[in-house]
Amino acid sequence: MDSSNSNKRRGEAPREGDRWMDVRILKETLDCTVCFEHFSTEIYQCSVGHFICSSCRDKILDKKCPTCSIKTSFNHCFGMEHVVRSVAFPCSNAKYGCREGHAHWRT
């Protein structure tokens, strides 16, 4: 992969020269299933694959997944973090031709 075209900037929206494509994704997919906030810190997953944010992970004392109730260890999910970091929303002025966007991931 050509590093000049990839988006290595943390917390920044993809730019015009980056290699990206327009896709559609449900906003809920990018939110913690416990607190419903946008993922903005480390993302963890249960052994089945349900995602939660680090804040919610730290509050779960019984180590059971809030979605499926399976006892788990909640492993760090680097893949989902990569996906969420690459998501950008269009500028509110996109209808007027603005091609800028803003990152979903907050640092």
N, C-alpha and C. Protein backbone atom coordinates (compact mmCIF):
# COMPACT_ATOMS: atom_id res chain seq x y z
N MET A 1 0.85 -1.18 0.00
CA MET A 1 0.00 0.00 0.00
C MET A 1 0.89 1.23 0.00
N ASP A 2 0.60 2.16 -0.82
CA ASP A 2 1.36 3.40 -0.93
C ASP A 2 1.06 4.28 0.27
N SER A 3 2.07 4.53 1.12
CA SER A 3 1.83 5.29 2.35
C SER A 3 1.46 6.73 2.08
N SER A 4 1.80 7.26 0.90
CA SER A 4 1.42 8.64 0.60
C SER A 4 -0.08 8.77 0.37
N ASN A 5 -0.75 7.68 0.01
CA ASN A 5 -2.19 7.72 -0.23
C ASN A 5 -3.01 7.20 0.93
N SER A 6 -2.37 6.60 1.92
CA SER A 6 -3.15 6.04 3.02
C SER A 6 -3.39 7.09 4.09
N ASN A 7 -4.41 6.85 4.88
CA ASN A 7 -4.77 7.80 5.92
C ASN A 7 -4.15 7.36 7.24
N LYS A 8 -2.95 7.82 7.54
CA LYS A 8 -2.24 7.46 8.75
C LYS A 8 -2.47 8.49 9.85
N ARG A 9 -3.17 9.56 9.55
CA ARG A 9 -3.40 10.63 10.52
C ARG A 9 -4.50 10.21 11.47
N ARG A 10 -4.18 10.09 12.74
CA ARG A 10 -5.20 9.70 13.73
C ARG A 10 -6.15 10.84 13.97
N GLY A 11 -7.43 10.51 14.00
CA GLY A 11 -8.44 11.50 14.35
C GLY A 11 -8.78 12.48 13.25
N GLU A 12 -8.26 12.27 12.05
CA GLU A 12 -8.58 13.17 10.94
C GLU A 12 -9.45 12.44 9.93
N ALA A 13 -10.32 13.19 9.30
CA ALA A 13 -11.16 12.61 8.27
C ALA A 13 -10.33 12.32 7.03
N PRO A 14 -10.71 11.30 6.25
CA PRO A 14 -10.03 11.06 4.99
C PRO A 14 -10.08 12.29 4.10
N ARG A 15 -9.05 12.49 3.34
CA ARG A 15 -8.97 13.65 2.46
C ARG A 15 -9.11 13.22 1.01
N GLU A 16 -9.24 14.19 0.15
CA GLU A 16 -9.49 13.95 -1.28
C GLU A 16 -8.44 13.02 -1.90
N GLY A 17 -7.16 13.16 -1.55
CA GLY A 17 -6.11 12.36 -2.16
C GLY A 17 -6.00 10.95 -1.59
N ASP A 18 -6.70 10.67 -0.50
CA ASP A 18 -6.64 9.35 0.12
C ASP A 18 -7.39 8.33 -0.75
N ARG A 19 -6.98 7.08 -0.60
CA ARG A 19 -7.67 6.01 -1.33
C ARG A 19 -8.81 5.51 -0.46
N TRP A 20 -10.02 5.95 -0.78
CA TRP A 20 -11.18 5.54 -0.03
C TRP A 20 -12.38 5.48 -0.95
N MET A 21 -13.40 4.79 -0.51
CA MET A 21 -14.60 4.70 -1.31
C MET A 21 -15.80 5.03 -0.43
N ASP A 22 -16.86 5.46 -1.07
CA ASP A 22 -18.07 5.78 -0.36
C ASP A 22 -18.82 4.49 -0.05
N VAL A 23 -19.15 4.30 1.21
CA VAL A 23 -19.92 3.14 1.65
C VAL A 23 -21.01 3.62 2.60
N ARG A 24 -21.96 2.77 2.86
CA ARG A 24 -23.01 3.10 3.83
C ARG A 24 -22.89 2.13 4.99
N ILE A 25 -23.04 2.67 6.19
CA ILE A 25 -22.98 1.86 7.39
C ILE A 25 -23.97 2.45 8.40
N LEU A 26 -24.64 1.60 9.13
CA LEU A 26 -25.55 2.08 10.16
C LEU A 26 -24.75 2.77 11.26
N LYS A 27 -25.19 3.94 11.69
CA LYS A 27 -24.46 4.67 12.73
C LYS A 27 -24.32 3.85 14.01
N GLU A 28 -25.31 3.03 14.34
CA GLU A 28 -25.25 2.23 15.55
C GLU A 28 -24.06 1.28 15.55
N THR A 29 -23.59 0.89 14.37
CA THR A 29 -22.45 0.00 14.27
C THR A 29 -21.20 0.65 14.85
N LEU A 30 -21.15 1.97 14.84
CA LEU A 30 -19.98 2.71 15.29
C LEU A 30 -20.10 3.18 16.73
N ASP A 31 -21.12 2.68 17.43
CA ASP A 31 -21.37 3.09 18.81
C ASP A 31 -21.25 1.89 19.75
N CYS A 32 -20.88 2.19 20.98
CA CYS A 32 -20.81 1.17 22.03
C CYS A 32 -22.21 0.63 22.29
N THR A 33 -22.32 -0.69 22.44
CA THR A 33 -23.63 -1.31 22.66
C THR A 33 -24.13 -1.15 24.09
N VAL A 34 -23.29 -0.62 24.97
CA VAL A 34 -23.69 -0.42 26.36
C VAL A 34 -24.09 1.03 26.61
N CYS A 35 -23.19 1.97 26.32
CA CYS A 35 -23.47 3.39 26.61
C CYS A 35 -24.01 4.15 25.40
N PHE A 36 -23.96 3.54 24.22
CA PHE A 36 -24.47 4.11 22.97
C PHE A 36 -23.71 5.37 22.53
N GLU A 37 -22.52 5.60 23.07
CA GLU A 37 -21.67 6.71 22.65
C GLU A 37 -20.81 6.26 21.47
N HIS A 38 -20.36 7.23 20.65
CA HIS A 38 -19.43 6.90 19.56
C HIS A 38 -18.17 6.30 20.16
N PHE A 39 -17.63 5.29 19.48
CA PHE A 39 -16.34 4.76 19.92
C PHE A 39 -15.30 5.87 19.80
N SER A 40 -14.61 6.16 20.89
CA SER A 40 -13.60 7.22 20.85
C SER A 40 -12.34 6.82 21.59
N THR A 41 -12.32 5.61 22.15
CA THR A 41 -11.14 5.09 22.82
C THR A 41 -10.94 3.66 22.33
N GLU A 42 -10.20 2.89 23.06
CA GLU A 42 -9.98 1.50 22.65
C GLU A 42 -11.31 0.75 22.58
N ILE A 43 -11.39 -0.18 21.63
CA ILE A 43 -12.59 -0.99 21.44
C ILE A 43 -12.26 -2.43 21.82
N TYR A 44 -13.18 -3.04 22.55
CA TYR A 44 -13.01 -4.42 22.98
C TYR A 44 -14.18 -5.25 22.47
N GLN A 45 -13.96 -6.58 22.40
CA GLN A 45 -15.02 -7.47 21.96
C GLN A 45 -15.07 -8.70 22.85
N CYS A 46 -16.28 -9.24 23.01
CA CYS A 46 -16.44 -10.48 23.76
C CYS A 46 -16.01 -11.65 22.87
N SER A 47 -16.04 -12.85 23.42
CA SER A 47 -15.61 -14.02 22.65
C SER A 47 -16.53 -14.33 21.48
N VAL A 48 -17.76 -13.79 21.49
CA VAL A 48 -18.69 -13.97 20.38
C VAL A 48 -18.48 -12.89 19.32
N GLY A 49 -17.98 -11.70 19.73
CA GLY A 49 -17.71 -10.64 18.78
C GLY A 49 -18.47 -9.35 19.02
N HIS A 50 -19.17 -9.22 20.13
CA HIS A 50 -19.88 -7.98 20.43
C HIS A 50 -18.89 -6.93 20.92
N PHE A 51 -19.05 -5.68 20.46
CA PHE A 51 -18.10 -4.61 20.77
C PHE A 51 -18.57 -3.74 21.91
N ILE A 52 -17.61 -3.29 22.75
CA ILE A 52 -17.89 -2.31 23.79
C ILE A 52 -16.68 -1.38 23.91
N CYS A 53 -16.91 -0.19 24.45
CA CYS A 53 -15.82 0.77 24.63
C CYS A 53 -15.03 0.43 25.89
N SER A 54 -13.86 1.04 26.04
CA SER A 54 -13.02 0.73 27.19
C SER A 54 -13.66 1.18 28.51
N SER A 55 -14.41 2.29 28.48
CA SER A 55 -15.06 2.76 29.71
C SER A 55 -16.07 1.74 30.22
N CYS A 56 -16.88 1.21 29.33
CA CYS A 56 -17.88 0.23 29.72
C CYS A 56 -17.21 -1.09 30.13
N ARG A 57 -16.15 -1.46 29.46
CA ARG A 57 -15.43 -2.69 29.81
C ARG A 57 -14.93 -2.61 31.24
N ASP A 58 -14.42 -1.45 31.64
CA ASP A 58 -13.88 -1.28 32.99
C ASP A 58 -14.97 -1.33 34.06
N LYS A 59 -16.22 -1.07 33.69
CA LYS A 59 -17.33 -1.05 34.65
C LYS A 59 -17.98 -2.42 34.83
N ILE A 60 -17.70 -3.36 33.94
CA ILE A 60 -18.34 -4.68 34.02
C ILE A 60 -17.55 -5.55 34.99
N LEU A 61 -18.12 -5.79 36.15
CA LEU A 61 -17.42 -6.52 37.20
C LEU A 61 -17.54 -8.03 37.06
N ASP A 62 -18.65 -8.51 36.53
CA ASP A 62 -18.87 -9.96 36.44
C ASP A 62 -18.27 -10.57 35.17
N LYS A 63 -17.67 -9.74 34.32
CA LYS A 63 -17.02 -10.18 33.07
C LYS A 63 -17.97 -10.91 32.13
N LYS A 64 -19.26 -10.54 32.19
CA LYS A 64 -20.23 -11.10 31.26
C LYS A 64 -20.56 -10.05 30.21
N CYS A 65 -20.67 -10.49 28.98
CA CYS A 65 -21.02 -9.58 27.89
C CYS A 65 -22.45 -9.07 28.10
N PRO A 66 -22.66 -7.75 28.06
CA PRO A 66 -24.01 -7.21 28.25
C PRO A 66 -24.96 -7.57 27.11
N THR A 67 -24.43 -7.95 25.96
CA THR A 67 -25.28 -8.28 24.81
C THR A 67 -25.71 -9.74 24.82
N CYS A 68 -24.77 -10.66 25.08
CA CYS A 68 -25.10 -12.09 24.99
C CYS A 68 -25.00 -12.84 26.33
N SER A 69 -24.55 -12.16 27.36
CA SER A 69 -24.44 -12.73 28.72
C SER A 69 -23.43 -13.87 28.85
N ILE A 70 -22.55 -14.02 27.89
CA ILE A 70 -21.51 -15.05 27.98
C ILE A 70 -20.35 -14.50 28.79
N LYS A 71 -19.81 -15.31 29.69
CA LYS A 71 -18.64 -14.93 30.48
C LYS A 71 -17.45 -14.86 29.52
N THR A 72 -16.72 -13.77 29.54
CA THR A 72 -15.68 -13.52 28.55
C THR A 72 -14.55 -12.69 29.14
N SER A 73 -13.49 -12.51 28.38
CA SER A 73 -12.36 -11.70 28.85
C SER A 73 -12.25 -10.38 28.11
N PHE A 74 -13.09 -10.10 27.14
CA PHE A 74 -13.07 -8.85 26.36
C PHE A 74 -11.68 -8.53 25.82
N ASN A 75 -11.39 -9.00 24.65
CA ASN A 75 -10.10 -8.76 24.01
C ASN A 75 -10.12 -7.46 23.21
N HIS A 76 -8.96 -6.83 23.14
CA HIS A 76 -8.78 -5.59 22.37
C HIS A 76 -9.06 -5.92 20.90
N CYS A 77 -9.85 -5.10 20.23
CA CYS A 77 -10.22 -5.35 18.83
C CYS A 77 -9.61 -4.29 17.92
N PHE A 78 -8.39 -4.53 17.49
CA PHE A 78 -7.67 -3.58 16.65
C PHE A 78 -8.34 -3.40 15.29
N GLY A 79 -8.95 -4.46 14.77
CA GLY A 79 -9.60 -4.39 13.46
C GLY A 79 -10.76 -3.40 13.45
N MET A 80 -11.61 -3.47 14.47
CA MET A 80 -12.74 -2.54 14.55
C MET A 80 -12.24 -1.12 14.77
N GLU A 81 -11.19 -0.95 15.56
CA GLU A 81 -10.62 0.39 15.75
C GLU A 81 -10.16 0.97 14.42
N HIS A 82 -9.54 0.14 13.59
CA HIS A 82 -9.08 0.60 12.27
C HIS A 82 -10.27 1.02 11.41
N VAL A 83 -11.33 0.24 11.44
CA VAL A 83 -12.53 0.58 10.65
C VAL A 83 -13.12 1.90 11.14
N VAL A 84 -13.29 2.04 12.45
CA VAL A 84 -13.92 3.24 13.00
C VAL A 84 -13.05 4.47 12.74
N ARG A 85 -11.73 4.33 12.81
CA ARG A 85 -10.84 5.46 12.55
C ARG A 85 -10.93 5.94 11.10
N SER A 86 -11.31 5.05 10.20
CA SER A 86 -11.34 5.41 8.78
C SER A 86 -12.68 6.03 8.36
N VAL A 87 -13.66 6.03 9.25
CA VAL A 87 -14.99 6.56 8.91
C VAL A 87 -14.99 8.08 8.99
N ALA A 88 -15.59 8.70 7.99
CA ALA A 88 -15.74 10.16 7.97
C ALA A 88 -17.14 10.50 7.50
N PHE A 89 -17.69 11.52 8.11
CA PHE A 89 -18.99 12.02 7.71
C PHE A 89 -18.79 13.21 6.80
N PRO A 90 -19.67 13.40 5.82
CA PRO A 90 -19.52 14.55 4.93
C PRO A 90 -19.78 15.86 5.68
N CYS A 91 -19.23 16.92 5.16
CA CYS A 91 -19.45 18.26 5.70
C CYS A 91 -20.94 18.59 5.58
N SER A 92 -21.44 19.38 6.52
CA SER A 92 -22.86 19.78 6.45
C SER A 92 -23.12 20.65 5.22
N ASN A 93 -22.07 21.16 4.59
CA ASN A 93 -22.21 21.96 3.37
C ASN A 93 -21.93 21.15 2.10
N ALA A 94 -21.98 19.82 2.22
CA ALA A 94 -21.70 18.97 1.06
C ALA A 94 -22.67 19.25 -0.09
N LYS A 95 -23.90 19.60 0.25
CA LYS A 95 -24.89 19.88 -0.80
C LYS A 95 -24.52 21.12 -1.61
N TYR A 96 -23.59 21.94 -1.08
CA TYR A 96 -23.12 23.12 -1.79
C TYR A 96 -21.75 22.88 -2.45
N GLY A 97 -21.29 21.63 -2.39
CA GLY A 97 -20.05 21.28 -3.06
C GLY A 97 -18.84 21.06 -2.18
N CYS A 98 -18.96 21.24 -0.88
CA CYS A 98 -17.82 21.03 0.02
C CYS A 98 -17.46 19.55 0.04
N ARG A 99 -16.20 19.23 -0.17
CA ARG A 99 -15.75 17.85 -0.20
C ARG A 99 -15.04 17.44 1.09
N GLU A 100 -14.98 18.34 2.06
CA GLU A 100 -14.35 18.03 3.34
C GLU A 100 -15.28 17.14 4.16
N GLY A 101 -14.76 16.56 5.18
CA GLY A 101 -15.56 15.74 6.08
C GLY A 101 -14.99 15.83 7.47
N HIS A 102 -15.62 15.17 8.40
CA HIS A 102 -15.07 15.14 9.74
C HIS A 102 -15.03 13.70 10.22
N ALA A 103 -14.01 13.40 11.01
CA ALA A 103 -13.79 12.04 11.48
C ALA A 103 -14.83 11.63 12.51
N HIS A 104 -15.18 10.38 12.49
CA HIS A 104 -16.08 9.81 13.48
C HIS A 104 -15.32 9.60 14.78
N TRP A 105 -14.07 9.13 14.68
CA TRP A 105 -13.23 8.80 15.83
C TRP A 105 -12.75 10.07 16.49
N ARG A 106 -12.96 10.18 17.78
CA ARG A 106 -12.49 11.34 18.54
C ARG A 106 -11.30 10.93 19.38
N THR A 107 -10.28 11.76 19.39
CA THR A 107 -9.09 11.43 20.19
C THR A 107 -9.11 12.17 21.49
